Amino acid sequence: MKRSLLYSGLMLALMGVFASCNKDSKSDENWKDIPSNQFTAESGKAEMSVNSIPVSMGNVKLTASSATEGVLQMNNVIPCASSVAVNVNLKNTGDSKWAFSGEGNIYNMAVMSLFSTDKTPIYTVSVEGEIDGNEKISVKAATKVVAKGGMEGDWNLLREAAPDKDGVPVVTPLQITWTASGDYAVSAAMMSKMLSIFGSVQLADQLDRLSFTEDGNVTARFWESDEDSGNSGIPDMKEFDGIIKSLVGPDGKYHFVPTTHTEWIDLPPANLAFWYANGGNLFVLPNIAALSEMEGAQADAFVTRAADLSGLSELLEELQKLGIDPKEILPVIKNFMANGLVMKYVVTDNSLQLFMDKDLCDPIVKPLLPLLDQLDKKLEEMAKNPDITEEQKAELQKLQTLMGVFRLTKPSDLKAVWANTTEFAVAMNFVR
């Protein structure tokens, strides 16, 4: 009797095991029905977002290799990363639906797609979503900067500086360092001083904060200056002296504060530009597609057309008409396509300086120097024109006076100054 009960129990257990195996086998086979075709945002069958921002272009493809594993391929979905593949875990949720999730690395980001063999990740990307047999897919992706370089966080524009022994601020929000050899030393020194002060006054009105977020977004608190704000135009020496005096507070320090408004505009994280730091350089990559879709806003024409290969030839032709050699400017455009805006940086616990030195500026400045000859001609024509307005005459007189202060006779004299420049940098200074 006991032996009979034992056999019966074993048989029931074996039947349960077989039933379970058959069920698992059937379930395991279901993964082969997971759609492996490409889904596009334009078709309406792919609902995608990156950092909670909806994506209106690009395509995805999920390739299952088993009931529990697969690869999600995203093309032109992650901004500035043309192709990203992520290994995902799969789970059958019933009704022909499969949930997936996973995390991968991004090794290269560019304004436009360029091949890279880099093996060090600069971003991680995590994904989760669902795909069903009705050939619909939803994907939520989130990016995270790996190559931070101590840049992450909010940085406020420097607004206070102590004077040095000559009464000049030791540091300014916008700081121009310019030294040249020989007869051009005075010209460079004067331009360094005046451009730093006047440029800082302008910048203090337009920018309050830059933020480099953990997900890679670059955001800002800024102000769109009105052309009639009273803070524009070329200052003469008397006005420039007045500007300097107005910056000094009762404490004897220089204070760079907004003078035309009391409010700021906060640009929220919207995947408009991404950042990462590598090798002492900061890379800021604009998301051309997102910028062009901004309601009521236009991406910079040069940036948009330079990133559009179909309009590149036309752009180069127009630049050639201005005296710019396409062969010299093309490397600048290609570098922007690959790396976006590149700046060097120095960061401490409480301060940040973003700057472009002569090495970074030279490839940009040299091809544009022929424009100064065009400016010479326009100023000559303007001076000979009897129909110019009194306001235009006043601005022309200010410019001529300013060039005299800089020991220049005409704008194209700057070509000789640049050729004899030994040190140059344009920097923005921030504090925590």
Protein backbone atom coordinates (compact mmCIF):
# COMPACT_ATOMS: atom_id res chain seq x y z
CA MET A 1 0.00 0.00 0.00
CA LYS A 2 2.74 2.45 0.97
CA ARG A 3 4.73 1.51 -2.15
CA SER A 4 1.62 2.13 -4.30
CA LEU A 5 1.11 5.57 -2.78
CA LEU A 6 4.79 6.37 -3.35
CA TYR A 7 4.56 5.40 -7.03
CA SER A 8 1.37 7.48 -7.40
CA GLY A 9 3.10 10.50 -5.87
CA LEU A 10 6.09 10.14 -8.17
CA MET A 11 3.83 9.92 -11.20
CA LEU A 12 1.93 13.06 -10.22
CA ALA A 13 5.21 14.93 -9.71
CA LEU A 14 6.54 13.80 -13.09
CA MET A 15 3.30 14.85 -14.78
CA GLY A 16 3.60 18.27 -13.17
CA VAL A 17 7.17 18.62 -14.38
CA PHE A 18 6.22 17.58 -17.92
CA ALA A 19 3.28 19.99 -17.94
CA SER A 20 5.52 22.78 -16.74
CA CYS A 21 8.16 22.01 -19.36
CA ASN A 22 5.56 21.92 -22.12
CA LYS A 23 4.20 25.26 -20.95
CA ASP A 24 7.69 26.82 -20.81
CA SER A 25 8.52 25.38 -24.20
CA LYS A 26 5.41 26.95 -25.68
CA SER A 27 6.19 30.24 -23.98
CA ASP A 28 9.80 30.11 -25.14
CA GLU A 29 8.65 29.73 -28.71
CA ASN A 30 6.51 32.88 -28.51
CA TRP A 31 9.57 35.13 -28.63
CA LYS A 32 10.00 34.20 -32.27
CA ASP A 33 6.80 36.13 -32.99
CA ILE A 34 8.29 39.40 -31.68
CA PRO A 35 8.27 41.81 -34.65
CA SER A 36 11.83 42.37 -35.88
CA ASN A 37 11.04 45.01 -38.47
CA GLN A 38 12.09 48.66 -38.24
CA PHE A 39 9.68 51.11 -36.61
CA THR A 40 9.79 54.80 -37.50
CA ALA A 41 8.53 57.75 -35.51
CA GLU A 42 6.97 59.18 -38.67
CA SER A 43 4.78 56.08 -39.14
CA GLY A 44 3.09 56.57 -35.77
CA LYS A 45 3.91 52.99 -34.78
CA ALA A 46 6.89 54.02 -32.64
CA GLU A 47 6.32 56.15 -29.57
CA MET A 48 9.73 57.31 -28.38
CA SER A 49 11.20 59.76 -25.90
CA VAL A 50 14.67 60.73 -24.71
CA ASN A 51 14.99 62.20 -21.21
CA SER A 52 11.17 62.47 -21.18
CA ILE A 53 11.25 64.65 -24.33
CA PRO A 54 9.19 63.15 -27.21
CA VAL A 55 11.14 62.16 -30.32
CA SER A 56 9.54 62.89 -33.68
CA MET A 57 12.15 61.33 -35.96
CA GLY A 58 14.41 58.30 -36.18
CA ASN A 59 13.75 54.58 -36.11
CA VAL A 60 14.14 51.58 -33.78
CA LYS A 61 14.44 47.84 -34.25
CA LEU A 62 14.24 45.11 -31.62
CA THR A 63 15.97 41.84 -32.48
CA ALA A 64 15.19 39.05 -30.01
CA SER A 65 17.71 36.24 -29.62
CA SER A 66 15.74 34.27 -27.00
CA ALA A 67 12.77 34.61 -24.69
CA THR A 68 14.83 36.68 -22.29
CA GLU A 69 17.39 38.59 -24.38
CA GLY A 70 17.61 40.85 -27.41
CA VAL A 71 19.18 43.97 -28.91
CA LEU A 72 17.43 47.32 -29.37
CA GLN A 73 18.90 49.32 -32.26
CA MET A 74 18.15 53.07 -32.23
CA ASN A 75 19.03 55.17 -35.28
CA ASN A 76 18.85 58.98 -35.07
CA VAL A 77 16.84 58.72 -31.85
CA ILE A 78 19.45 59.78 -29.29
CA PRO A 79 20.44 63.37 -30.18
CA CYS A 80 23.98 63.66 -31.62
CA ALA A 81 24.40 59.86 -31.51
CA SER A 82 23.36 58.52 -34.90
CA SER A 83 23.38 54.81 -34.06
CA VAL A 84 23.08 53.25 -30.59
CA ALA A 85 22.61 49.54 -29.81
CA VAL A 86 21.56 48.38 -26.34
CA ASN A 87 21.39 44.81 -25.03
CA VAL A 88 17.99 44.36 -23.38
CA ASN A 89 16.25 41.85 -21.16
CA LEU A 90 12.87 40.61 -22.40
CA LYS A 91 9.76 39.58 -20.46
CA ASN A 92 6.51 38.22 -21.82
CA THR A 93 3.68 40.27 -20.28
CA GLY A 94 0.86 38.45 -22.10
CA ASP A 95 -1.49 39.44 -24.93
CA SER A 96 1.41 39.19 -27.40
CA LYS A 97 3.25 41.97 -25.57
CA TRP A 98 6.87 41.96 -24.44
CA ALA A 99 8.52 44.39 -22.05
CA PHE A 100 12.21 45.16 -22.42
CA SER A 101 14.87 47.11 -20.51
CA GLY A 102 18.62 47.51 -20.61
CA GLU A 103 21.61 49.84 -20.48
CA GLY A 104 24.44 50.53 -22.92
CA ASN A 105 27.27 52.92 -23.72
CA ILE A 106 27.73 55.75 -26.20
CA TYR A 107 31.30 56.12 -27.42
CA ASN A 108 30.94 58.95 -29.92
CA MET A 109 28.66 61.97 -30.33
CA ALA A 110 28.64 64.35 -33.27
CA VAL A 111 26.50 67.07 -34.84
CA MET A 112 26.46 64.80 -37.87
CA SER A 113 27.22 61.10 -38.11
CA LEU A 114 30.92 60.32 -38.29
CA PHE A 115 32.64 56.96 -37.80
CA SER A 116 34.54 56.57 -34.56
CA THR A 117 36.69 53.79 -33.10
CA ASP A 118 36.75 55.25 -29.58
CA LYS A 119 36.43 52.62 -26.86
CA THR A 120 35.95 54.88 -23.85
CA PRO A 121 32.26 55.64 -23.17
CA ILE A 122 31.27 59.30 -22.84
CA TYR A 123 27.60 58.57 -22.10
CA THR A 124 25.46 55.72 -20.86
CA VAL A 125 21.93 55.23 -22.11
CA SER A 126 19.19 53.24 -20.39
CA VAL A 127 16.05 52.09 -22.18
CA GLU A 128 12.73 50.57 -21.26
CA GLY A 129 9.63 49.93 -23.28
CA GLU A 130 7.16 47.52 -24.75
CA ILE A 131 6.55 45.89 -28.12
CA ASP A 132 3.46 43.96 -29.20
CA GLY A 133 2.39 41.66 -32.00
CA ASN A 134 0.34 44.44 -33.56
CA GLU A 135 3.66 45.93 -34.62
CA LYS A 136 3.75 48.85 -32.23
CA ILE A 137 6.62 49.81 -29.97
CA SER A 138 7.20 52.30 -27.18
CA VAL A 139 10.71 53.31 -26.10
CA LYS A 140 11.76 55.51 -23.20
CA ALA A 141 15.47 56.33 -23.27
CA ALA A 142 17.50 58.26 -20.73
CA THR A 143 21.06 59.49 -21.18
CA LYS A 144 23.72 60.13 -18.55
CA VAL A 145 27.09 61.83 -18.94
CA VAL A 146 30.11 59.71 -18.03
CA ALA A 147 32.82 62.11 -19.21
CA LYS A 148 32.01 64.97 -16.83
CA GLY A 149 35.39 66.52 -16.06
CA GLY A 150 33.95 68.20 -12.95
CA MET A 151 31.63 70.34 -15.11
CA GLU A 152 28.25 69.04 -13.97
CA GLY A 153 25.96 71.51 -12.20
CA ASP A 154 24.90 75.17 -12.28
CA TRP A 155 27.42 77.91 -12.99
CA ASN A 156 26.53 81.55 -12.42
CA LEU A 157 28.17 84.29 -14.44
CA LEU A 158 30.90 86.08 -12.49
CA ARG A 159 29.52 89.47 -11.44
CA GLU A 160 31.99 90.82 -8.90
CA ALA A 161 35.72 91.47 -9.18
CA ALA A 162 38.34 93.33 -7.18
CA PRO A 163 40.61 95.89 -8.87
CA ASP A 164 44.30 95.26 -9.43
CA LYS A 165 47.07 97.75 -8.55
CA ASP A 166 46.24 99.77 -11.70
CA GLY A 167 42.54 99.90 -10.86
CA VAL A 168 41.60 97.42 -13.58
CA PRO A 169 39.40 94.43 -12.60
CA VAL A 170 41.55 91.36 -12.05
CA VAL A 171 38.93 89.25 -13.81
CA THR A 172 35.83 90.01 -15.87
CA PRO A 173 32.80 87.97 -16.97
CA LEU A 174 34.06 88.11 -20.55
CA GLN A 175 37.83 88.25 -20.53
CA ILE A 176 39.99 88.91 -23.58
CA THR A 177 43.70 88.15 -23.29
CA TRP A 178 45.64 89.57 -26.21
CA THR A 179 49.36 90.20 -26.51
CA ALA A 180 51.32 90.93 -29.67
CA SER A 181 54.93 91.61 -30.54
CA GLY A 182 56.66 94.70 -31.90
CA ASP A 183 54.64 97.69 -33.07
CA TYR A 184 51.39 95.85 -32.44
CA ALA A 185 51.82 95.36 -28.68
CA VAL A 186 49.90 98.54 -27.77
CA SER A 187 47.07 97.73 -30.18
CA ALA A 188 46.58 94.27 -28.68
CA ALA A 189 46.79 95.58 -25.09
CA MET A 190 44.21 98.32 -25.69
CA MET A 191 41.80 95.96 -27.45
CA SER A 192 42.22 93.43 -24.66
CA LYS A 193 41.22 95.98 -22.03
CA MET A 194 38.34 97.66 -23.86
CA LEU A 195 36.83 94.49 -25.32
CA SER A 196 36.92 92.81 -21.89
CA ILE A 197 35.06 95.65 -20.18
CA PHE A 198 32.58 96.48 -22.92
CA GLY A 199 31.99 92.81 -23.74
CA SER A 200 31.41 92.01 -20.06
CA VAL A 201 28.78 94.75 -19.78
CA GLN A 202 26.95 93.25 -22.77
CA LEU A 203 27.29 89.68 -21.49
CA ALA A 204 26.10 90.64 -17.99
CA ASP A 205 22.83 91.81 -19.57
CA GLN A 206 22.33 88.68 -21.67
CA LEU A 207 23.49 85.69 -19.60
CA ASP A 208 22.99 84.80 -15.96
CA ARG A 209 23.72 81.09 -15.69
CA LEU A 210 24.83 78.00 -17.59
CA SER A 211 23.84 74.53 -16.42
CA PHE A 212 25.42 71.24 -17.42
CA THR A 213 22.93 68.58 -16.37
CA GLU A 214 23.53 64.95 -15.49
CA ASP A 215 21.57 63.75 -18.52
CA GLY A 216 23.77 65.83 -20.86
CA ASN A 217 21.53 68.81 -21.50
CA VAL A 218 23.04 72.29 -21.67
CA THR A 219 20.58 74.84 -20.33
CA ALA A 220 20.79 78.53 -19.58
CA ARG A 221 19.19 81.46 -17.83
CA PHE A 222 19.40 84.31 -20.29
CA TRP A 223 17.76 87.43 -21.69
CA GLU A 224 16.99 88.40 -25.27
CA SER A 225 18.29 91.93 -25.50
CA ASP A 226 16.25 94.59 -27.21
CA GLU A 227 18.16 96.42 -29.94
CA ASP A 228 16.91 99.68 -28.43
CA SER A 229 17.93 98.75 -24.89
CA GLY A 230 20.53 101.51 -24.83
CA ASN A 231 23.36 99.08 -24.18
CA SER A 232 24.43 98.68 -27.79
CA GLY A 233 26.53 100.68 -30.22
CA ILE A 234 30.17 101.67 -30.24
CA PRO A 235 31.25 103.68 -27.16
CA ASP A 236 33.65 106.57 -27.54
CA MET A 237 36.43 107.07 -24.99
CA LYS A 238 34.32 109.39 -22.82
CA GLU A 239 31.48 106.86 -22.77
CA PHE A 240 33.92 104.05 -22.08
CA ASP A 241 35.33 105.90 -19.05
CA GLY A 242 31.76 106.40 -17.87
CA ILE A 243 31.08 102.68 -18.21
CA ILE A 244 34.11 101.84 -16.07
CA LYS A 245 33.13 104.31 -13.34
CA SER A 246 29.55 103.02 -13.26
CA LEU A 247 30.80 99.50 -12.55
CA VAL A 248 32.60 100.43 -9.32
CA GLY A 249 30.47 100.08 -6.21
CA PRO A 250 30.82 101.62 -2.72
CA ASP A 251 32.97 98.64 -1.74
CA GLY A 252 35.54 99.58 -4.39
CA LYS A 253 34.85 96.42 -6.37
CA TYR A 254 33.58 96.08 -9.92
CA HIS A 255 29.98 94.89 -10.22
CA PHE A 256 28.72 93.54 -13.53
CA VAL A 257 24.94 93.53 -13.22
CA PRO A 258 22.10 93.68 -15.75
CA THR A 259 21.08 97.27 -16.44
CA THR A 260 18.19 96.93 -18.91
CA HIS A 261 15.94 94.35 -17.20
CA THR A 262 15.17 92.61 -13.91
CA GLU A 263 13.87 89.27 -15.20
CA TRP A 264 15.47 86.24 -16.84
CA ILE A 265 14.31 83.54 -19.21
CA ASP A 266 14.98 79.96 -18.11
CA LEU A 267 15.69 77.55 -20.93
CA PRO A 268 14.47 74.15 -19.70
CA PRO A 269 16.16 70.85 -20.57
CA ALA A 270 14.79 70.06 -24.02
CA ASN A 271 17.60 68.09 -25.68
CA LEU A 272 18.61 71.21 -27.66
CA ALA A 273 22.32 70.78 -26.96
CA PHE A 274 24.44 68.10 -25.31
CA TRP A 275 27.80 68.28 -23.60
CA TYR A 276 30.71 66.20 -22.44
CA ALA A 277 34.27 66.91 -21.28
CA ASN A 278 37.32 65.06 -22.47
CA GLY A 279 41.05 65.78 -22.42
CA GLY A 280 40.65 69.29 -20.99
CA ASN A 281 38.13 70.23 -23.70
CA LEU A 282 34.40 70.89 -23.38
CA PHE A 283 32.30 69.72 -26.32
CA VAL A 284 28.88 71.31 -26.84
CA LEU A 285 26.88 69.65 -29.62
CA PRO A 286 23.74 71.40 -30.86
CA ASN A 287 20.80 69.18 -31.77
CA ILE A 288 20.11 70.71 -35.18
CA ALA A 289 16.83 68.84 -35.67
CA ALA A 290 15.41 70.00 -32.33
CA LEU A 291 16.60 73.59 -32.80
CA SER A 292 14.97 73.83 -36.23
CA GLU A 293 11.67 72.59 -34.78
CA MET A 294 11.53 75.15 -31.97
CA GLU A 295 8.32 77.15 -32.24
CA GLY A 296 8.99 80.81 -32.84
CA ALA A 297 12.74 80.29 -32.97
CA GLN A 298 15.28 79.81 -35.72
CA ALA A 299 18.55 77.94 -35.53
CA ASP A 300 21.53 80.00 -36.56
CA ALA A 301 21.60 80.09 -40.36
CA PHE A 302 25.29 79.27 -40.63
CA VAL A 303 24.99 76.35 -38.22
CA THR A 304 21.89 74.96 -39.92
CA ARG A 305 23.23 75.20 -43.44
CA ALA A 306 26.70 73.99 -42.50
CA ALA A 307 25.12 70.88 -40.97
CA ASP A 308 22.98 70.35 -44.06
CA LEU A 309 25.18 68.76 -46.71
CA SER A 310 22.73 69.70 -49.46
CA GLY A 311 23.26 73.39 -48.72
CA LEU A 312 26.98 73.22 -48.03
CA SER A 313 28.07 73.94 -51.60
CA GLU A 314 25.81 76.97 -51.75
CA LEU A 315 27.18 78.25 -48.46
CA LEU A 316 30.78 77.86 -49.63
CA GLU A 317 29.99 79.73 -52.86
CA GLU A 318 28.57 82.67 -50.93
CA LEU A 319 31.61 82.75 -48.64
CA GLN A 320 33.90 82.70 -51.67
CA LYS A 321 32.17 85.83 -53.00
CA LEU A 322 33.19 87.56 -49.77
CA GLY A 323 36.83 86.65 -50.39
CA ILE A 324 36.94 83.58 -48.14
CA ASP A 325 38.79 80.56 -49.53
CA PRO A 326 36.45 77.52 -49.33
CA LYS A 327 39.46 75.22 -48.89
CA GLU A 328 40.38 77.07 -45.69
CA ILE A 329 36.90 77.32 -44.20
CA LEU A 330 35.84 73.74 -45.04
CA PRO A 331 37.98 72.16 -42.27
CA VAL A 332 36.28 74.50 -39.78
CA ILE A 333 32.85 73.33 -40.92
CA LYS A 334 33.90 69.67 -40.85
CA ASN A 335 35.30 70.06 -37.35
CA PHE A 336 32.02 71.58 -36.20
CA MET A 337 30.10 68.69 -37.75
CA ALA A 338 32.28 66.23 -35.87
CA ASN A 339 32.75 67.94 -32.51
CA GLY A 340 30.30 70.83 -32.23
CA LEU A 341 31.58 73.85 -30.33
CA VAL A 342 34.90 73.03 -28.66
CA MET A 343 36.25 75.07 -25.75
CA LYS A 344 38.94 74.51 -23.20
CA TYR A 345 38.11 74.79 -19.52
CA VAL A 346 39.60 75.20 -16.08
CA VAL A 347 37.38 74.15 -13.19
CA THR A 348 37.78 74.34 -9.41
CA ASP A 349 35.29 73.76 -6.62
CA ASN A 350 33.88 77.26 -6.95
CA SER A 351 34.92 78.64 -10.33
CA LEU A 352 34.82 77.75 -14.00
CA GLN A 353 36.52 79.35 -16.96
CA LEU A 354 35.50 78.41 -20.49
CA PHE A 355 37.90 79.72 -23.10
CA MET A 356 39.19 79.46 -26.64
CA ASP A 357 42.90 80.15 -27.00
CA LYS A 358 44.88 80.98 -30.12
CA ASP A 359 45.20 77.32 -31.07
CA LEU A 360 41.42 76.97 -31.19
CA CYS A 361 40.75 80.43 -32.66
CA ASP A 362 43.42 80.44 -35.37
CA PRO A 363 41.69 77.96 -37.74
CA ILE A 364 38.51 80.05 -37.46
CA VAL A 365 39.99 83.55 -37.57
CA LYS A 366 42.49 83.13 -40.42
CA PRO A 367 39.95 82.16 -43.13
CA LEU A 368 37.74 85.11 -42.09
CA LEU A 369 40.45 87.79 -42.22
CA PRO A 370 39.67 88.67 -45.89
CA LEU A 371 36.34 90.02 -44.65
CA LEU A 372 38.27 92.96 -43.18
CA ASP A 373 39.14 94.11 -46.70
CA GLN A 374 35.44 94.12 -47.53
CA LEU A 375 34.80 96.16 -44.37
CA ASP A 376 37.43 98.69 -45.50
CA LYS A 377 35.54 99.22 -48.76
CA LYS A 378 32.17 99.56 -47.05
CA LEU A 379 33.48 102.15 -44.61
CA GLU A 380 35.07 104.10 -47.46
CA GLU A 381 31.80 104.06 -49.38
CA MET A 382 29.92 105.08 -46.25
CA ALA A 383 32.27 108.02 -45.64
CA LYS A 384 31.84 109.25 -49.23
CA ASN A 385 28.06 108.82 -49.24
CA PRO A 386 26.37 112.25 -48.87
CA ASP A 387 23.05 110.62 -47.99
CA ILE A 388 24.04 108.85 -44.74
CA THR A 389 22.09 109.84 -41.66
CA GLU A 390 23.47 111.86 -38.78
CA GLU A 391 23.32 108.74 -36.62
CA GLN A 392 25.42 106.82 -39.16
CA LYS A 393 27.90 109.70 -39.28
CA ALA A 394 28.22 109.64 -35.49
CA GLU A 395 28.82 105.87 -35.43
CA LEU A 396 31.39 106.19 -38.21
CA GLN A 397 33.20 108.92 -36.28
CA LYS A 398 33.22 106.79 -33.13
CA LEU A 399 34.66 103.85 -35.04
CA GLN A 400 37.39 106.00 -36.58
CA THR A 401 38.26 107.45 -33.16
CA LEU A 402 38.34 103.97 -31.63
CA MET A 403 40.63 102.68 -34.37
CA GLY A 404 42.93 105.60 -33.60
CA VAL A 405 43.02 104.55 -29.94
CA PHE A 406 43.91 101.04 -31.08
CA ARG A 407 46.58 102.53 -33.39
CA LEU A 408 44.79 101.24 -36.46
CA THR A 409 44.07 103.23 -39.62
CA LYS A 410 41.57 100.79 -41.08
CA PRO A 411 39.93 97.48 -40.08
CA SER A 412 42.24 95.39 -42.29
CA ASP A 413 45.19 96.48 -40.10
CA LEU A 414 43.93 93.80 -37.74
CA LYS A 415 45.42 91.21 -40.10
CA ALA A 416 48.91 92.39 -39.16
CA VAL A 417 47.99 92.46 -35.47
CA TRP A 418 46.78 88.86 -35.64
CA ALA A 419 49.88 87.78 -37.56
CA ASN A 420 52.04 89.18 -34.74
CA THR A 421 49.85 87.88 -31.90
CA THR A 422 51.80 85.80 -29.40
CA GLU A 423 48.96 85.06 -26.97
CA PHE A 424 45.20 85.21 -27.37
CA ALA A 425 42.21 83.88 -25.49
CA VAL A 426 38.54 84.77 -25.17
CA ALA A 427 37.07 83.44 -21.94
CA MET A 428 33.86 83.43 -19.90
CA ASN A 429 34.13 83.22 -16.11
CA PHE A 430 31.58 81.58 -13.82
CA VAL A 431 31.18 80.80 -10.13
CA ARG A 432 29.10 78.30 -8.19
